[in-house]
Amino acid sequence: GPDGDMGAPDCRVGFTLMAPDTFYP
């Protein structure tokens, strides 16, 4: 995507990483 090291049209693709016992509000 626009902020990634790889580009492709009209997209963003990435990863979400969360620690144990965590609430993503």
mmCIF file of all heavy atoms, coordinates in Angstrom:
data_MODEL
# 
_entry.id   MODEL 
# 
loop_
_atom_site.group_PDB 
_atom_site.id 
_atom_site.type_symbol 
_atom_site.label_atom_id 
_atom_site.label_alt_id 
_atom_site.label_comp_id 
_atom_site.label_asym_id 
_atom_site.label_entity_id 
_atom_site.label_seq_id 
_atom_site.pdbx_PDB_ins_code 
_atom_site.Cartn_x 
_atom_site.Cartn_y 
_atom_site.Cartn_z 
_atom_site.occupancy 
_atom_site.B_iso_or_equiv 
_atom_site.pdbx_formal_charge 
_atom_site.auth_seq_id 
_atom_site.auth_comp_id 
_atom_site.auth_asym_id 
_atom_site.auth_atom_id 
_atom_site.pdbx_PDB_model_num 
ATOM 1   N N   . GLY A 1 1  ? 0.823   -1.203  0.000  1.00 0.00 ? 1  GLY A N   1 
ATOM 2   C CA  . GLY A 1 1  ? 0.000   0.000   0.000  1.00 0.00 ? 1  GLY A CA  1 
ATOM 3   C C   . GLY A 1 1  ? 0.852   1.245   0.000  1.00 0.00 ? 1  GLY A C   1 
ATOM 4   O O   . GLY A 1 1  ? 2.089   1.169   -0.072 1.00 0.00 ? 1  GLY A O   1 
ATOM 5   N N   . PRO A 1 2  ? 0.226   2.414   0.124  1.00 0.00 ? 2  PRO A N   1 
ATOM 6   C CA  . PRO A 1 2  ? 0.961   3.682   0.062  1.00 0.00 ? 2  PRO A CA  1 
ATOM 7   C C   . PRO A 1 2  ? 2.065   3.810   1.106  1.00 0.00 ? 2  PRO A C   1 
ATOM 8   O O   . PRO A 1 2  ? 3.073   4.464   0.867  1.00 0.00 ? 2  PRO A O   1 
ATOM 9   C CB  . PRO A 1 2  ? -0.134  4.734   0.285  1.00 0.00 ? 2  PRO A CB  1 
ATOM 10  C CG  . PRO A 1 2  ? -1.400  4.062   -0.091 1.00 0.00 ? 2  PRO A CG  1 
ATOM 11  C CD  . PRO A 1 2  ? -1.223  2.610   0.228  1.00 0.00 ? 2  PRO A CD  1 
ATOM 12  N N   . ASP A 1 3  ? 1.883   3.178   2.277  1.00 0.00 ? 3  ASP A N   1 
ATOM 13  C CA  . ASP A 1 3  ? 2.867   3.281   3.347  1.00 0.00 ? 3  ASP A CA  1 
ATOM 14  C C   . ASP A 1 3  ? 3.690   2.017   3.530  1.00 0.00 ? 3  ASP A C   1 
ATOM 15  O O   . ASP A 1 3  ? 4.474   1.905   4.471  1.00 0.00 ? 3  ASP A O   1 
ATOM 16  C CB  . ASP A 1 3  ? 2.173   3.644   4.670  1.00 0.00 ? 3  ASP A CB  1 
ATOM 17  C CG  . ASP A 1 3  ? 1.439   4.972   4.582  1.00 0.00 ? 3  ASP A CG  1 
ATOM 18  O OD1 . ASP A 1 3  ? 1.985   5.906   3.965  1.00 0.00 ? 3  ASP A OD1 1 
ATOM 19  O OD2 . ASP A 1 3  ? 0.318   5.070   5.119  1.00 0.00 ? 3  ASP A OD2 1 
ATOM 20  N N   . GLY A 1 4  ? 3.505   1.041   2.658  1.00 0.00 ? 4  GLY A N   1 
ATOM 21  C CA  . GLY A 1 4  ? 4.251   -0.215  2.747  1.00 0.00 ? 4  GLY A CA  1 
ATOM 22  C C   . GLY A 1 4  ? 5.405   -0.233  1.764  1.00 0.00 ? 4  GLY A C   1 
ATOM 23  O O   . GLY A 1 4  ? 5.492   0.592   0.853  1.00 0.00 ? 4  GLY A O   1 
ATOM 24  N N   . ASP A 1 5  ? 6.307   -1.188  1.931  1.00 0.00 ? 5  ASP A N   1 
ATOM 25  C CA  . ASP A 1 5  ? 7.443   -1.323  1.022  1.00 0.00 ? 5  ASP A CA  1 
ATOM 26  C C   . ASP A 1 5  ? 7.056   -1.974  -0.296 1.00 0.00 ? 5  ASP A C   1 
ATOM 27  O O   . ASP A 1 5  ? 7.847   -2.000  -1.239 1.00 0.00 ? 5  ASP A O   1 
ATOM 28  C CB  . ASP A 1 5  ? 8.556   -2.137  1.680  1.00 0.00 ? 5  ASP A CB  1 
ATOM 29  C CG  . ASP A 1 5  ? 9.271   -1.348  2.762  1.00 0.00 ? 5  ASP A CG  1 
ATOM 30  O OD1 . ASP A 1 5  ? 9.560   -0.167  2.534  1.00 0.00 ? 5  ASP A OD1 1 
ATOM 31  O OD2 . ASP A 1 5  ? 9.517   -1.910  3.841  1.00 0.00 ? 5  ASP A OD2 1 
ATOM 32  N N   . MET A 1 6  ? 5.852   -2.523  -0.354 1.00 0.00 ? 6  MET A N   1 
ATOM 33  C CA  . MET A 1 6  ? 5.331   -3.114  -1.581 1.00 0.00 ? 6  MET A CA  1 
ATOM 34  C C   . MET A 1 6  ? 4.093   -2.323  -1.988 1.00 0.00 ? 6  MET A C   1 
ATOM 35  O O   . MET A 1 6  ? 3.340   -1.840  -1.138 1.00 0.00 ? 6  MET A O   1 
ATOM 36  C CB  . MET A 1 6  ? 4.959   -4.583  -1.373 1.00 0.00 ? 6  MET A CB  1 
ATOM 37  C CG  . MET A 1 6  ? 6.089   -5.445  -0.807 1.00 0.00 ? 6  MET A CG  1 
ATOM 38  S SD  . MET A 1 6  ? 7.491   -5.657  -1.935 1.00 0.00 ? 6  MET A SD  1 
ATOM 39  C CE  . MET A 1 6  ? 6.818   -6.871  -3.066 1.00 0.00 ? 6  MET A CE  1 
ATOM 40  N N   . GLY A 1 7  ? 3.871   -2.186  -3.290 1.00 0.00 ? 7  GLY A N   1 
ATOM 41  C CA  . GLY A 1 7  ? 2.730   -1.426  -3.772 1.00 0.00 ? 7  GLY A CA  1 
ATOM 42  C C   . GLY A 1 7  ? 1.865   -2.237  -4.713 1.00 0.00 ? 7  GLY A C   1 
ATOM 43  O O   . GLY A 1 7  ? 2.349   -3.125  -5.411 1.00 0.00 ? 7  GLY A O   1 
ATOM 44  N N   . ALA A 1 8  ? 0.571   -1.954  -4.706 1.00 0.00 ? 8  ALA A N   1 
ATOM 45  C CA  . ALA A 1 8  ? -0.399  -2.529  -5.632 1.00 0.00 ? 8  ALA A CA  1 
ATOM 46  C C   . ALA A 1 8  ? -1.559  -1.544  -5.716 1.00 0.00 ? 8  ALA A C   1 
ATOM 47  O O   . ALA A 1 8  ? -1.779  -0.766  -4.777 1.00 0.00 ? 8  ALA A O   1 
ATOM 48  C CB  . ALA A 1 8  ? -0.872  -3.911  -5.174 1.00 0.00 ? 8  ALA A CB  1 
ATOM 49  N N   . PRO A 1 9  ? -2.309  -1.549  -6.810 1.00 0.00 ? 9  PRO A N   1 
ATOM 50  C CA  . PRO A 1 9  ? -3.365  -0.547  -6.980 1.00 0.00 ? 9  PRO A CA  1 
ATOM 51  C C   . PRO A 1 9  ? -4.503  -0.669  -5.968 1.00 0.00 ? 9  PRO A C   1 
ATOM 52  O O   . PRO A 1 9  ? -4.957  -1.780  -5.669 1.00 0.00 ? 9  PRO A O   1 
ATOM 53  C CB  . PRO A 1 9  ? -3.892  -0.822  -8.394 1.00 0.00 ? 9  PRO A CB  1 
ATOM 54  C CG  . PRO A 1 9  ? -2.846  -1.637  -9.069 1.00 0.00 ? 9  PRO A CG  1 
ATOM 55  C CD  . PRO A 1 9  ? -2.166  -2.413  -7.990 1.00 0.00 ? 9  PRO A CD  1 
ATOM 56  N N   . ASP A 1 10 ? -4.935  0.471   -5.447 1.00 0.00 ? 10 ASP A N   1 
ATOM 57  C CA  . ASP A 1 10 ? -6.182  0.578   -4.679 1.00 0.00 ? 10 ASP A CA  1 
ATOM 58  C C   . ASP A 1 10 ? -6.281  -0.380  -3.499 1.00 0.00 ? 10 ASP A C   1 
ATOM 59  O O   . ASP A 1 10 ? -7.316  -1.021  -3.290 1.00 0.00 ? 10 ASP A O   1 
ATOM 60  C CB  . ASP A 1 10 ? -7.395  0.368   -5.592 1.00 0.00 ? 10 ASP A CB  1 
ATOM 61  C CG  . ASP A 1 10 ? -7.395  1.340   -6.760 1.00 0.00 ? 10 ASP A CG  1 
ATOM 62  O OD1 . ASP A 1 10 ? -7.084  2.521   -6.542 1.00 0.00 ? 10 ASP A OD1 1 
ATOM 63  O OD2 . ASP A 1 10 ? -7.689  0.912   -7.893 1.00 0.00 ? 10 ASP A OD2 1 
ATOM 64  N N   . CYS A 1 11 ? -5.216  -0.503  -2.725 1.00 0.00 ? 11 CYS A N   1 
ATOM 65  C CA  . CYS A 1 11 ? -5.294  -1.426  -1.591 1.00 0.00 ? 11 CYS A CA  1 
ATOM 66  C C   . CYS A 1 11 ? -4.332  -1.014  -0.481 1.00 0.00 ? 11 CYS A C   1 
ATOM 67  O O   . CYS A 1 11 ? -3.391  -0.248  -0.686 1.00 0.00 ? 11 CYS A O   1 
ATOM 68  C CB  . CYS A 1 11 ? -4.964  -2.847  -2.026 1.00 0.00 ? 11 CYS A CB  1 
ATOM 69  S SG  . CYS A 1 11 ? -3.198  -3.105  -2.282 1.00 0.00 ? 11 CYS A SG  1 
ATOM 70  N N   . ARG A 1 12 ? -4.617  -1.514  0.675  1.00 0.00 ? 12 ARG A N   1 
ATOM 71  C CA  . ARG A 1 12 ? -3.678  -1.585  1.791  1.00 0.00 ? 12 ARG A CA  1 
ATOM 72  C C   . ARG A 1 12 ? -3.803  -3.007  2.340  1.00 0.00 ? 12 ARG A C   1 
ATOM 73  O O   . ARG A 1 12 ? -4.906  -3.495  2.554  1.00 0.00 ? 12 ARG A O   1 
ATOM 74  C CB  . ARG A 1 12 ? -4.005  -0.581  2.889  1.00 0.00 ? 12 ARG A CB  1 
ATOM 75  C CG  . ARG A 1 12 ? -3.732  0.878   2.538  1.00 0.00 ? 12 ARG A CG  1 
ATOM 76  C CD  . ARG A 1 12 ? -3.973  1.778   3.759  1.00 0.00 ? 12 ARG A CD  1 
ATOM 77  N NE  . ARG A 1 12 ? -3.926  3.184   3.415  1.00 0.00 ? 12 ARG A NE  1 
ATOM 78  C CZ  . ARG A 1 12 ? -2.834  3.948   3.489  1.00 0.00 ? 12 ARG A CZ  1 
ATOM 79  N NH1 . ARG A 1 12 ? -1.688  3.412   3.892  1.00 0.00 ? 12 ARG A NH1 1 
ATOM 80  N NH2 . ARG A 1 12 ? -2.881  5.220   3.164  1.00 0.00 ? 12 ARG A NH2 1 
ATOM 81  N N   . VAL A 1 13 ? -2.670  -3.654  2.560  1.00 0.00 ? 13 VAL A N   1 
ATOM 82  C CA  . VAL A 1 13 ? -2.641  -4.987  3.159  1.00 0.00 ? 13 VAL A CA  1 
ATOM 83  C C   . VAL A 1 13 ? -1.545  -4.976  4.210  1.00 0.00 ? 13 VAL A C   1 
ATOM 84  O O   . VAL A 1 13 ? -0.436  -4.494  3.950  1.00 0.00 ? 13 VAL A O   1 
ATOM 85  C CB  . VAL A 1 13 ? -2.355  -6.096  2.113  1.00 0.00 ? 13 VAL A CB  1 
ATOM 86  C CG1 . VAL A 1 13 ? -2.288  -7.459  2.786  1.00 0.00 ? 13 VAL A CG1 1 
ATOM 87  C CG2 . VAL A 1 13 ? -3.401  -6.094  1.013  1.00 0.00 ? 13 VAL A CG2 1 
ATOM 88  N N   . GLY A 1 14 ? -1.847  -5.491  5.376  1.00 0.00 ? 14 GLY A N   1 
ATOM 89  C CA  . GLY A 1 14 ? -0.836  -5.497  6.433  1.00 0.00 ? 14 GLY A CA  1 
ATOM 90  C C   . GLY A 1 14 ? -1.178  -6.486  7.529  1.00 0.00 ? 14 GLY A C   1 
ATOM 91  O O   . GLY A 1 14 ? -1.989  -7.396  7.345  1.00 0.00 ? 14 GLY A O   1 
ATOM 92  N N   . PHE A 1 15 ? -0.549  -6.274  8.677  1.00 0.00 ? 15 PHE A N   1 
ATOM 93  C CA  . PHE A 1 15 ? -0.698  -7.180  9.812  1.00 0.00 ? 15 PHE A CA  1 
ATOM 94  C C   . PHE A 1 15 ? -1.116  -6.410  11.054 1.00 0.00 ? 15 PHE A C   1 
ATOM 95  O O   . PHE A 1 15 ? -0.720  -5.257  11.252 1.00 0.00 ? 15 PHE A O   1 
ATOM 96  C CB  . PHE A 1 15 ? 0.628   -7.888  10.109 1.00 0.00 ? 15 PHE A CB  1 
ATOM 97  C CG  . PHE A 1 15 ? 1.114   -8.777  9.007  1.00 0.00 ? 15 PHE A CG  1 
ATOM 98  C CD1 . PHE A 1 15 ? 2.016   -8.305  8.064  1.00 0.00 ? 15 PHE A CD1 1 
ATOM 99  C CD2 . PHE A 1 15 ? 0.655   -10.082 8.894  1.00 0.00 ? 15 PHE A CD2 1 
ATOM 100 C CE1 . PHE A 1 15 ? 2.465   -9.116  7.035  1.00 0.00 ? 15 PHE A CE1 1 
ATOM 101 C CE2 . PHE A 1 15 ? 1.101   -10.902 7.862  1.00 0.00 ? 15 PHE A CE2 1 
ATOM 102 C CZ  . PHE A 1 15 ? 2.009   -10.417 6.932  1.00 0.00 ? 15 PHE A CZ  1 
ATOM 103 N N   . THR A 1 16 ? -1.909  -7.080  11.886 1.00 0.00 ? 16 THR A N   1 
ATOM 104 C CA  . THR A 1 16 ? -2.207  -6.606  13.234 1.00 0.00 ? 16 THR A CA  1 
ATOM 105 C C   . THR A 1 16 ? -1.621  -7.614  14.209 1.00 0.00 ? 16 THR A C   1 
ATOM 106 O O   . THR A 1 16 ? -1.780  -8.825  14.029 1.00 0.00 ? 16 THR A O   1 
ATOM 107 C CB  . THR A 1 16 ? -3.723  -6.471  13.468 1.00 0.00 ? 16 THR A CB  1 
ATOM 108 O OG1 . THR A 1 16 ? -4.234  -5.436  12.623 1.00 0.00 ? 16 THR A OG1 1 
ATOM 109 C CG2 . THR A 1 16 ? -4.038  -6.121  14.920 1.00 0.00 ? 16 THR A CG2 1 
ATOM 110 N N   . LEU A 1 17 ? -0.960  -7.108  15.226 1.00 0.00 ? 17 LEU A N   1 
ATOM 111 C CA  . LEU A 1 17 ? -0.313  -7.935  16.251 1.00 0.00 ? 17 LEU A CA  1 
ATOM 112 C C   . LEU A 1 17 ? -0.802  -7.457  17.614 1.00 0.00 ? 17 LEU A C   1 
ATOM 113 O O   . LEU A 1 17 ? -0.795  -6.253  17.889 1.00 0.00 ? 17 LEU A O   1 
ATOM 114 C CB  . LEU A 1 17 ? 1.208   -7.764  16.140 1.00 0.00 ? 17 LEU A CB  1 
ATOM 115 C CG  . LEU A 1 17 ? 2.114   -8.522  17.091 1.00 0.00 ? 17 LEU A CG  1 
ATOM 116 C CD1 . LEU A 1 17 ? 1.965   -10.033 16.901 1.00 0.00 ? 17 LEU A CD1 1 
ATOM 117 C CD2 . LEU A 1 17 ? 3.574   -8.098  16.862 1.00 0.00 ? 17 LEU A CD2 1 
ATOM 118 N N   . MET A 1 18 ? -1.274  -8.391  18.438 1.00 0.00 ? 18 MET A N   1 
ATOM 119 C CA  . MET A 1 18 ? -1.760  -8.037  19.771 1.00 0.00 ? 18 MET A CA  1 
ATOM 120 C C   . MET A 1 18 ? -1.147  -8.948  20.825 1.00 0.00 ? 18 MET A C   1 
ATOM 121 O O   . MET A 1 18 ? -1.016  -10.152 20.606 1.00 0.00 ? 18 MET A O   1 
ATOM 122 C CB  . MET A 1 18 ? -3.290  -8.145  19.842 1.00 0.00 ? 18 MET A CB  1 
ATOM 123 C CG  . MET A 1 18 ? -4.030  -7.093  19.042 1.00 0.00 ? 18 MET A CG  1 
ATOM 124 S SD  . MET A 1 18 ? -5.834  -7.317  19.080 1.00 0.00 ? 18 MET A SD  1 
ATOM 125 C CE  . MET A 1 18 ? -6.181  -7.220  20.849 1.00 0.00 ? 18 MET A CE  1 
ATOM 126 N N   . ALA A 1 19 ? -0.799  -8.363  21.954 1.00 0.00 ? 19 ALA A N   1 
ATOM 127 C CA  . ALA A 1 19 ? -0.275  -9.128  23.081 1.00 0.00 ? 19 ALA A CA  1 
ATOM 128 C C   . ALA A 1 19 ? -1.403  -9.912  23.751 1.00 0.00 ? 19 ALA A C   1 
ATOM 129 O O   . ALA A 1 19 ? -2.584  -9.580  23.589 1.00 0.00 ? 19 ALA A O   1 
ATOM 130 C CB  . ALA A 1 19 ? 0.373   -8.180  24.087 1.00 0.00 ? 19 ALA A CB  1 
ATOM 131 N N   . PRO A 1 20 ? -1.062  -10.937 24.539 1.00 0.00 ? 20 PRO A N   1 
ATOM 132 C CA  . PRO A 1 20 ? -2.096  -11.634 25.307 1.00 0.00 ? 20 PRO A CA  1 
ATOM 133 C C   . PRO A 1 20 ? -2.791  -10.674 26.279 1.00 0.00 ? 20 PRO A C   1 
ATOM 134 O O   . PRO A 1 20 ? -2.227  -9.656  26.681 1.00 0.00 ? 20 PRO A O   1 
ATOM 135 C CB  . PRO A 1 20 ? -1.305  -12.707 26.067 1.00 0.00 ? 20 PRO A CB  1 
ATOM 136 C CG  . PRO A 1 20 ? -0.048  -12.893 25.288 1.00 0.00 ? 20 PRO A CG  1 
ATOM 137 C CD  . PRO A 1 20 ? 0.269   -11.543 24.713 1.00 0.00 ? 20 PRO A CD  1 
ATOM 138 N N   . ASP A 1 21 ? -4.011  -11.040 26.649 1.00 0.00 ? 21 ASP A N   1 
ATOM 139 C CA  . ASP A 1 21 ? -4.793  -10.285 27.643 1.00 0.00 ? 21 ASP A CA  1 
ATOM 140 C C   . ASP A 1 21 ? -4.879  -8.803  27.303 1.00 0.00 ? 21 ASP A C   1 
ATOM 141 O O   . ASP A 1 21 ? -4.635  -7.937  28.145 1.00 0.00 ? 21 ASP A O   1 
ATOM 142 C CB  . ASP A 1 21 ? -4.204  -10.481 29.045 1.00 0.00 ? 21 ASP A CB  1 
ATOM 143 C CG  . ASP A 1 21 ? -4.199  -11.942 29.460 1.00 0.00 ? 21 ASP A CG  1 
ATOM 144 O OD1 . ASP A 1 21 ? -5.257  -12.590 29.344 1.00 0.00 ? 21 ASP A OD1 1 
ATOM 145 O OD2 . ASP A 1 21 ? -3.138  -12.445 29.863 1.00 0.00 ? 21 ASP A OD2 1 
ATOM 146 N N   . THR A 1 22 ? -5.224  -8.524  26.059 1.00 0.00 ? 22 THR A N   1 
ATOM 147 C CA  . THR A 1 22 ? -5.298  -7.142  25.571 1.00 0.00 ? 22 THR A CA  1 
ATOM 148 C C   . THR A 1 22 ? -6.650  -6.889  24.932 1.00 0.00 ? 22 THR A C   1 
ATOM 149 O O   . THR A 1 22 ? -7.164  -7.743  24.194 1.00 0.00 ? 22 THR A O   1 
ATOM 150 C CB  . THR A 1 22 ? -4.182  -6.873  24.548 1.00 0.00 ? 22 THR A CB  1 
ATOM 151 O OG1 . THR A 1 22 ? -2.913  -7.054  25.182 1.00 0.00 ? 22 THR A OG1 1 
ATOM 152 C CG2 . THR A 1 22 ? -4.261  -5.469  23.986 1.00 0.00 ? 22 THR A CG2 1 
ATOM 153 N N   . PHE A 1 23 ? -7.210  -5.729  25.185 1.00 0.00 ? 23 PHE A N   1 
ATOM 154 C CA  . PHE A 1 23 ? -8.471  -5.322  24.559 1.00 0.00 ? 23 PHE A CA  1 
ATOM 155 C C   . PHE A 1 23 ? -8.193  -4.192  23.590 1.00 0.00 ? 23 PHE A C   1 
ATOM 156 O O   . PHE A 1 23 ? -7.661  -3.150  23.963 1.00 0.00 ? 23 PHE A O   1 
ATOM 157 C CB  . PHE A 1 23 ? -9.477  -4.859  25.629 1.00 0.00 ? 23 PHE A CB  1 
ATOM 158 C CG  . PHE A 1 23 ? -10.785 -4.399  25.054 1.00 0.00 ? 23 PHE A CG  1 
ATOM 159 C CD1 . PHE A 1 23 ? -11.563 -5.251  24.295 1.00 0.00 ? 23 PHE A CD1 1 
ATOM 160 C CD2 . PHE A 1 23 ? -11.237 -3.108  25.283 1.00 0.00 ? 23 PHE A CD2 1 
ATOM 161 C CE1 . PHE A 1 23 ? -12.777 -4.833  23.759 1.00 0.00 ? 23 PHE A CE1 1 
ATOM 162 C CE2 . PHE A 1 23 ? -12.452 -2.680  24.760 1.00 0.00 ? 23 PHE A CE2 1 
ATOM 163 C CZ  . PHE A 1 23 ? -13.223 -3.545  23.999 1.00 0.00 ? 23 PHE A CZ  1 
ATOM 164 N N   . TYR A 1 24 ? -8.523  -4.419  22.331 1.00 0.00 ? 24 TYR A N   1 
ATOM 165 C CA  . TYR A 1 24 ? -8.431  -3.405  21.278 1.00 0.00 ? 24 TYR A CA  1 
ATOM 166 C C   . TYR A 1 24 ? -9.809  -2.758  21.226 1.00 0.00 ? 24 TYR A C   1 
ATOM 167 O O   . TYR A 1 24 ? -10.760 -3.357  20.737 1.00 0.00 ? 24 TYR A O   1 
ATOM 168 C CB  . TYR A 1 24 ? -8.051  -4.080  19.969 1.00 0.00 ? 24 TYR A CB  1 
ATOM 169 C CG  . TYR A 1 24 ? -7.839  -3.210  18.752 1.00 0.00 ? 24 TYR A CG  1 
ATOM 170 C CD1 . TYR A 1 24 ? -7.436  -3.785  17.554 1.00 0.00 ? 24 TYR A CD1 1 
ATOM 171 C CD2 . TYR A 1 24 ? -8.039  -1.835  18.762 1.00 0.00 ? 24 TYR A CD2 1 
ATOM 172 C CE1 . TYR A 1 24 ? -7.229  -3.026  16.408 1.00 0.00 ? 24 TYR A CE1 1 
ATOM 173 C CE2 . TYR A 1 24 ? -7.831  -1.061  17.625 1.00 0.00 ? 24 TYR A CE2 1 
ATOM 174 C CZ  . TYR A 1 24 ? -7.436  -1.668  16.453 1.00 0.00 ? 24 TYR A CZ  1 
ATOM 175 O OH  . TYR A 1 24 ? -7.250  -0.908  15.321 1.00 0.00 ? 24 TYR A OH  1 
ATOM 176 N N   . PRO A 1 25 ? -9.939  -1.539  21.754 1.00 0.00 ? 25 PRO A N   1 
ATOM 177 C CA  . PRO A 1 25 ? -11.268 -0.969  21.955 1.00 0.00 ? 25 PRO A CA  1 
ATOM 178 C C   . PRO A 1 25 ? -12.063 -0.781  20.666 1.00 0.00 ? 25 PRO A C   1 
ATOM 179 O O   . PRO A 1 25 ? -11.518 -0.813  19.556 1.00 0.00 ? 25 PRO A O   1 
ATOM 180 C CB  . PRO A 1 25 ? -10.969 0.391   22.604 1.00 0.00 ? 25 PRO A CB  1 
ATOM 181 C CG  . PRO A 1 25 ? -9.605  0.266   23.170 1.00 0.00 ? 25 PRO A CG  1 
ATOM 182 C CD  . PRO A 1 25 ? -8.874  -0.666  22.249 1.00 0.00 ? 25 PRO A CD  1 
# 
